[in-house]
Protein backbone atom coordinates (compact mmCIF):
# COMPACT_ATOMS: atom_id res chain seq x y z
CA UNK A 1 2.35 19.06 10.98
CA UNK A 2 4.64 16.09 10.40
CA UNK A 3 4.43 13.18 12.83
CA UNK A 4 7.98 11.92 13.38
CA UNK A 5 8.94 8.30 13.94
CA UNK A 6 11.39 7.31 16.66
CA UNK A 7 14.35 6.95 14.28
CA UNK A 8 13.62 10.39 12.78
CA UNK A 9 14.39 12.29 16.00
CA UNK A 10 17.65 13.88 14.70
CA UNK A 11 15.75 15.14 11.65
CA UNK A 12 12.93 16.40 13.86
CA UNK A 13 15.38 18.38 15.99
CA UNK A 14 16.94 20.03 12.95
CA UNK A 15 13.59 20.90 11.40
CA UNK A 16 12.43 22.33 14.72
CA UNK A 17 15.51 24.56 14.83
CA UNK A 18 14.79 25.75 11.30
CA UNK A 19 11.18 26.57 12.22
CA UNK A 20 12.30 28.46 15.34
CA UNK A 21 14.83 30.47 13.31
CA UNK A 22 12.16 31.42 10.78
CA UNK A 23 9.78 32.53 13.53
CA UNK A 24 12.49 34.52 15.29
CA UNK A 25 13.51 36.25 12.05
CA UNK A 26 10.01 37.52 11.25
CA UNK A 27 10.03 41.31 11.39
CA UNK A 28 13.75 41.30 12.24
CA UNK A 29 16.30 43.14 10.13
CA UNK A 30 19.00 40.52 10.76
CA UNK A 31 19.71 38.44 7.62
CA UNK A 32 19.78 34.75 8.56
CA UNK A 33 19.14 33.39 5.05
CA UNK A 34 22.60 31.81 4.81
CA UNK A 35 22.20 30.04 8.14
CA UNK A 36 18.74 28.84 7.12
CA UNK A 37 20.03 27.46 3.82
CA UNK A 38 22.84 25.67 5.64
CA UNK A 39 20.48 24.05 8.12
CA UNK A 40 17.94 23.14 5.42
CA UNK A 41 20.65 21.46 3.36
CA UNK A 42 21.91 19.62 6.45
CA UNK A 43 18.35 18.49 7.26
CA UNK A 44 17.69 17.32 3.69
CA UNK A 45 20.95 15.36 3.60
CA UNK A 46 20.25 13.79 6.99
CA UNK A 47 16.74 12.77 5.92
CA UNK A 48 18.04 11.25 2.68
CA UNK A 49 20.85 9.32 4.40
CA UNK A 50 18.43 8.06 7.08
CA UNK A 51 15.98 6.71 4.53
CA UNK A 52 18.73 5.13 2.43
CA UNK A 53 19.61 2.76 5.27
CA UNK A 54 16.31 1.85 6.92
CA UNK A 55 16.08 -1.52 8.63
CA UNK A 56 13.11 -3.81 7.82
CA UNK A 57 11.50 -2.83 11.14
CA UNK A 58 11.91 0.87 10.39
CA UNK A 59 10.34 0.33 6.98
CA UNK A 60 7.43 -1.39 8.73
CA UNK A 61 6.98 1.74 10.84
CA UNK A 62 7.06 3.94 7.74
CA UNK A 63 4.48 1.69 6.03
CA UNK A 64 2.20 2.24 9.05
CA UNK A 65 2.81 5.98 9.37
CA UNK A 66 -0.47 7.69 10.38
CA UNK A 67 -0.10 10.27 7.59
CA UNK A 68 0.75 7.78 4.86
CA UNK A 69 -1.60 8.10 1.86
CA UNK A 70 -4.32 5.46 1.58
CA UNK A 71 -6.81 4.36 -1.07
CA UNK A 72 -8.89 7.56 -1.10
CA UNK A 73 -5.75 9.71 -1.36
CA UNK A 74 -4.53 7.76 -4.39
CA UNK A 75 -8.00 7.97 -5.96
CA UNK A 76 -8.00 11.75 -5.60
CA UNK A 77 -4.42 12.30 -6.76
CA UNK A 78 -3.80 9.65 -9.44
CA UNK A 79 -7.19 8.61 -10.84
CA UNK A 80 -10.14 10.42 -12.40
CA UNK A 81 -13.93 10.00 -12.52
CA UNK A 82 -14.07 7.45 -9.72
CA UNK A 83 -17.55 5.93 -9.42
CA UNK A 84 -17.78 3.84 -6.22
CA UNK A 85 -19.83 0.66 -6.16
CA UNK A 86 -20.92 -0.91 -2.89
CA UNK A 87 -22.31 -4.14 -1.51
CA UNK A 88 -21.67 -7.82 -2.12
CA UNK A 89 -25.32 -8.68 -2.98
CA UNK A 90 -25.22 -11.28 -0.18
CA UNK A 91 -24.86 -9.58 3.19
CA UNK A 92 -23.94 -5.90 3.02
CA UNK A 93 -21.21 -3.40 2.33
CA UNK A 94 -17.71 -3.34 3.81
CA UNK A 95 -15.97 0.02 4.00
CA UNK A 96 -12.56 -1.55 4.63
CA UNK A 97 -12.47 -2.52 0.95
CA UNK A 98 -13.59 0.08 -1.57
CA UNK A 99 -13.93 -0.15 -5.32
CA UNK A 100 -15.58 1.03 -8.48
CA UNK A 101 -14.95 2.37 -11.96
CA UNK A 102 -12.22 4.95 -12.58
CA UNK A 103 -9.93 6.37 -15.22
CA UNK A 104 -6.13 6.31 -15.23
CA UNK A 105 -4.47 8.44 -17.92
CA UNK A 106 -7.70 8.23 -19.94
CA UNK A 107 -7.94 4.43 -19.63
CA UNK A 108 -11.07 3.02 -17.96
CA UNK A 109 -10.26 0.59 -15.14
CA UNK A 110 -11.93 -1.18 -12.26
CA UNK A 111 -10.18 0.06 -9.11
CA UNK A 112 -10.28 -1.86 -5.80
CA UNK A 113 -8.36 -1.31 -2.59
CA UNK A 114 -8.13 -1.27 1.18
CA UNK A 115 -8.93 1.96 3.01
CA UNK A 116 -7.57 2.44 6.55
CA UNK A 117 -8.89 5.94 7.26
CA UNK A 118 -6.93 8.99 8.40
CA UNK A 119 -8.40 9.88 11.80
CA UNK A 120 -10.04 8.04 14.69
CA UNK A 121 -13.58 8.21 13.32
CA UNK A 122 -12.68 7.17 9.77
CA UNK A 123 -10.35 4.41 10.97
CA UNK A 124 -13.17 2.89 12.97
CA UNK A 125 -15.58 3.28 10.05
CA UNK A 126 -13.14 1.58 7.68
CA UNK A 127 -12.19 -1.03 10.31
CA UNK A 128 -8.50 -0.04 9.99
CA UNK A 129 -8.42 -1.56 6.49
CA UNK A 130 -9.18 -5.08 7.73
CA UNK A 131 -11.62 -6.54 5.23
CA UNK A 132 -14.60 -8.70 6.16
CA UNK A 133 -16.13 -11.44 3.98
CA UNK A 134 -18.55 -8.99 2.36
CA UNK A 135 -15.58 -6.83 1.36
CA UNK A 136 -13.86 -9.66 -0.48
CA UNK A 137 -17.16 -10.74 -2.05
CA UNK A 138 -17.63 -7.15 -3.22
CA UNK A 139 -14.15 -7.34 -4.78
CA UNK A 140 -15.14 -10.56 -6.56
CA UNK A 141 -18.28 -8.87 -7.91
CA UNK A 142 -16.21 -5.97 -9.22
CA UNK A 143 -13.69 -8.30 -10.85
CA UNK A 144 -16.52 -10.14 -12.56
CA UNK A 145 -17.80 -6.79 -13.87
CA UNK A 146 -14.32 -6.00 -15.15
CA UNK A 147 -14.18 -9.29 -17.03
CA UNK A 148 -17.64 -8.73 -18.48
CA UNK A 149 -16.84 -5.25 -19.79
CA UNK A 150 -13.22 -5.93 -20.75
CA UNK A 151 -11.73 -3.46 -18.27
CA UNK A 152 -8.32 -3.92 -16.62
CA UNK A 153 -8.25 -4.30 -12.84
CA UNK A 154 -6.04 -2.21 -10.54
CA UNK A 155 -5.80 -3.04 -6.83
CA UNK A 156 -4.17 -0.97 -4.06
CA UNK A 157 -3.27 -3.22 -1.15
CA UNK A 158 -2.87 -1.78 2.35
CA UNK A 159 -3.99 -4.00 5.21
CA UNK A 160 -2.50 -5.62 8.28
CA UNK A 161 -4.68 -8.62 7.41
CA UNK A 162 -8.29 -9.65 7.00
CA UNK A 163 -10.58 -9.02 9.98
CA UNK A 164 -10.21 -11.97 12.43
CA UNK A 165 -13.43 -11.43 14.42
CA UNK A 166 -15.92 -14.18 15.23
CA UNK A 167 -18.64 -12.59 13.08
CA UNK A 168 -16.31 -12.60 10.06
CA UNK A 169 -15.56 -16.27 10.57
CA UNK A 170 -19.27 -16.99 10.91
CA UNK A 171 -19.87 -15.36 7.52
CA UNK A 172 -17.13 -17.38 5.81
CA UNK A 173 -13.97 -15.27 5.95
CA UNK A 174 -11.59 -17.99 4.75
CA UNK A 175 -13.87 -18.99 1.88
CA UNK A 176 -14.30 -15.36 0.79
CA UNK A 177 -10.53 -14.80 0.76
CA UNK A 178 -9.97 -18.00 -1.22
CA UNK A 179 -12.69 -17.06 -3.74
CA UNK A 180 -11.23 -13.57 -4.16
CA UNK A 181 -7.78 -15.03 -4.83
CA UNK A 182 -9.36 -17.44 -7.34
CA UNK A 183 -11.18 -14.54 -9.03
CA UNK A 184 -7.87 -12.68 -9.47
CA UNK A 185 -6.20 -15.70 -11.03
CA UNK A 186 -9.12 -16.34 -13.39
CA UNK A 187 -9.47 -12.78 -14.72
CA UNK A 188 -9.62 -12.56 -18.53
CA UNK A 189 -8.34 -8.95 -18.39
CA UNK A 190 -5.01 -7.40 -17.29
CA UNK A 191 -4.51 -6.96 -13.55
CA UNK A 192 -1.92 -4.83 -11.76
CA UNK A 193 -1.66 -4.89 -7.97
CA UNK A 194 0.29 -2.37 -5.89
CA UNK A 195 1.31 -2.83 -2.26
CA UNK A 196 1.11 0.78 -1.05
CA UNK A 197 1.49 0.30 2.71
CA UNK A 198 1.14 -2.99 4.55
CA UNK A 199 0.52 -6.20 2.67
CA UNK A 200 -0.61 -8.56 5.38
CA UNK A 201 -1.34 -12.27 4.96
CA UNK A 202 -4.28 -13.66 2.96
CA UNK A 203 -6.10 -10.37 3.33
CA UNK A 204 -3.51 -8.88 0.98
CA UNK A 205 -3.04 -11.87 -1.34
CA UNK A 206 -6.79 -11.91 -2.02
CA UNK A 207 -6.36 -8.61 -3.91
CA UNK A 208 -2.76 -9.07 -5.07
CA UNK A 209 -2.78 -12.29 -7.11
CA UNK A 210 -2.03 -10.40 -10.31
CA UNK A 211 0.35 -10.93 -13.21
CA UNK A 212 2.18 -7.72 -12.23
CA UNK A 213 2.73 -6.82 -8.58
CA UNK A 214 4.25 -3.44 -7.73
CA UNK A 215 5.38 -2.28 -4.32
CA UNK A 216 6.05 1.16 -2.91
CA UNK A 217 9.67 1.65 -1.83
CA UNK A 218 8.93 1.64 1.90
CA UNK A 219 5.94 -0.72 1.94
CA UNK A 220 6.07 -4.18 3.55
CA UNK A 221 4.52 -7.49 2.46
CA UNK A 222 4.43 -10.66 4.56
CA UNK A 223 2.41 -13.67 5.62
CA UNK A 224 2.13 -12.34 9.19
CA UNK A 225 3.05 -9.13 11.00
CA UNK A 226 6.51 -8.97 12.60
CA UNK A 227 4.83 -8.69 16.01
CA UNK A 228 2.72 -11.79 15.31
CA UNK A 229 5.74 -13.75 14.15
CA UNK A 230 7.75 -12.70 17.21
CA UNK A 231 4.90 -13.66 19.53
CA UNK A 232 4.84 -17.16 18.02
CA UNK A 233 8.60 -17.75 17.88
CA UNK A 234 9.82 -15.91 20.99
CA UNK A 235 6.60 -15.46 23.00
CA UNK A 236 7.13 -11.69 22.98
CA UNK A 237 6.34 -8.91 20.52
CA UNK A 238 9.52 -7.12 21.61
CA UNK A 239 11.40 -9.32 19.14
CA UNK A 240 9.45 -7.78 16.22
CA UNK A 241 12.57 -6.05 14.76
CA UNK A 242 14.37 -9.43 14.62
CA UNK A 243 11.31 -11.04 13.03
CA UNK A 244 11.06 -8.31 10.39
CA UNK A 245 14.71 -8.87 9.48
CA UNK A 246 14.29 -12.65 9.17
CA UNK A 247 10.99 -12.52 7.28
CA UNK A 248 12.30 -10.45 4.33
CA UNK A 249 9.32 -8.10 4.37
CA UNK A 250 10.81 -5.20 2.38
CA UNK A 251 10.26 -4.38 -1.28
CA UNK A 252 13.99 -4.72 -1.93
CA UNK A 253 14.12 -8.26 -0.50
CA UNK A 254 10.90 -9.35 -2.19
CA UNK A 255 12.04 -8.11 -5.59
CA UNK A 256 15.16 -10.27 -5.27
CA UNK A 257 12.99 -13.25 -4.30
CA UNK A 258 10.69 -12.71 -7.30
CA UNK A 259 7.58 -12.12 -5.16
CA UNK A 260 7.08 -8.65 -6.64
CA UNK A 261 7.96 -7.29 -10.06
CA UNK A 262 8.75 -3.61 -9.56
CA UNK A 263 9.59 -1.12 -6.82
CA UNK A 264 7.95 2.30 -7.06
CA UNK A 265 10.12 5.11 -5.67
CA UNK A 266 8.74 7.25 -2.85
CA UNK A 267 9.53 10.90 -2.08
CA UNK A 268 12.55 11.34 0.19
CA UNK A 269 11.31 10.73 3.71
CA UNK A 270 8.42 8.49 2.67
CA UNK A 271 5.13 8.88 0.82
CA UNK A 272 3.60 10.76 3.78
CA UNK A 273 5.91 13.74 3.16
CA UNK A 274 4.56 14.32 -0.35
CA UNK A 275 1.39 12.28 -1.01
CA UNK A 276 0.72 14.06 -4.32
CA UNK A 277 4.13 13.10 -5.73
CA UNK A 278 3.82 9.55 -4.39
CA UNK A 279 0.41 9.14 -6.06
CA UNK A 280 1.63 10.59 -9.35
CA UNK A 281 4.64 8.25 -9.42
CA UNK A 282 2.49 5.23 -8.62
CA UNK A 283 -0.12 6.17 -11.22
CA UNK A 284 2.57 6.46 -13.90
CA UNK A 285 4.04 3.06 -12.96
CA UNK A 286 0.63 1.35 -13.06
CA UNK A 287 -0.19 2.93 -16.43
CA UNK A 288 3.12 1.68 -17.86
CA UNK A 289 2.42 -1.86 -16.67
CA UNK A 290 -1.11 -1.80 -18.11
CA UNK A 291 0.32 -0.66 -21.45
CA UNK A 292 2.65 -3.69 -21.47
CA UNK A 293 -0.14 -6.10 -20.54
CA UNK A 294 -2.65 -4.77 -23.07
CA UNK A 295 -1.09 -6.80 -25.88
CA UNK A 296 -1.75 -10.16 -24.20
CA UNK A 297 -4.79 -12.33 -24.96
CA UNK A 298 -6.95 -13.56 -22.03
CA UNK A 299 -5.42 -17.05 -22.03
CA UNK A 300 -1.93 -15.55 -22.02
CA UNK A 301 -2.75 -13.36 -19.01
CA UNK A 302 -3.94 -16.39 -17.06
CA UNK A 303 -0.77 -18.25 -18.03
CA UNK A 304 1.39 -15.35 -16.83
CA UNK A 305 -0.29 -15.43 -13.41
CA UNK A 306 0.01 -19.19 -13.18
CA UNK A 307 3.69 -19.12 -14.08
CA UNK A 308 4.60 -16.35 -11.64
CA UNK A 309 3.00 -18.08 -8.64
CA UNK A 310 4.26 -21.55 -9.55
CA UNK A 311 7.75 -20.08 -9.86
CA UNK A 312 7.52 -18.89 -6.24
CA UNK A 313 6.56 -22.39 -5.11
CA UNK A 314 9.61 -23.77 -6.91
């Protein structure tokens, strides 16, 4: 069953009418196929036109949709032979950040990403995708393995931000994020990062400091959440839609600003409506970028990363 967002109510009403017509027609001799086709076409057109003109705040809602595919979904649909590796060899394991060896179109890669979970129990287990220090140190360990074995690194970013709890700060959250960012920039192998949902603050940058950064069509990427920004500027989270507009959080805005390199198209209505197609499209895009990067020597890859981030500062 599809969970509809507030701005999708007209689409929800049409699709409900279609479902009711189908149910009513079961076992009935009355031919309503023409009426069904008309309503289905109307619904498809309405959905397409709605998603062609989403505001930044609406895109933020789509990026957070409860049925949106996460790391495990992309692993199952786009990658093969995933072998998870756990632990940071210092404190423990963090299930908000997962990683291991995998294959993409026959190419061996080291795959790392945030996992938010898809129901109450799994969301709690994965801490809603908010990484702790041991998660970022695990990512560093995996990147070091990638460099040692000459394997490209692929990261799937989807987090509202790193975990801000006291225990995380006690274990060195800021240092772990900084070290993870440093590890990305120092990699001697190709790295492609993809923002697949939310890209929030340093928790996202720590896994997205790559020479090629892709972004799903309806994902968002920012230094702070719109609600957090609104709370600081206007002392109320109700101004979040205004903050999202001003912050330029969308893939379309960020491509113009040079923060990301490529937008990956989503199925009409968002990745949650067809996770398999979304994963296939993303996998193809990542494979194409890895093909382009495979011709660069290690020192050239580091230079590419340095140039892209210095260009942003300029």
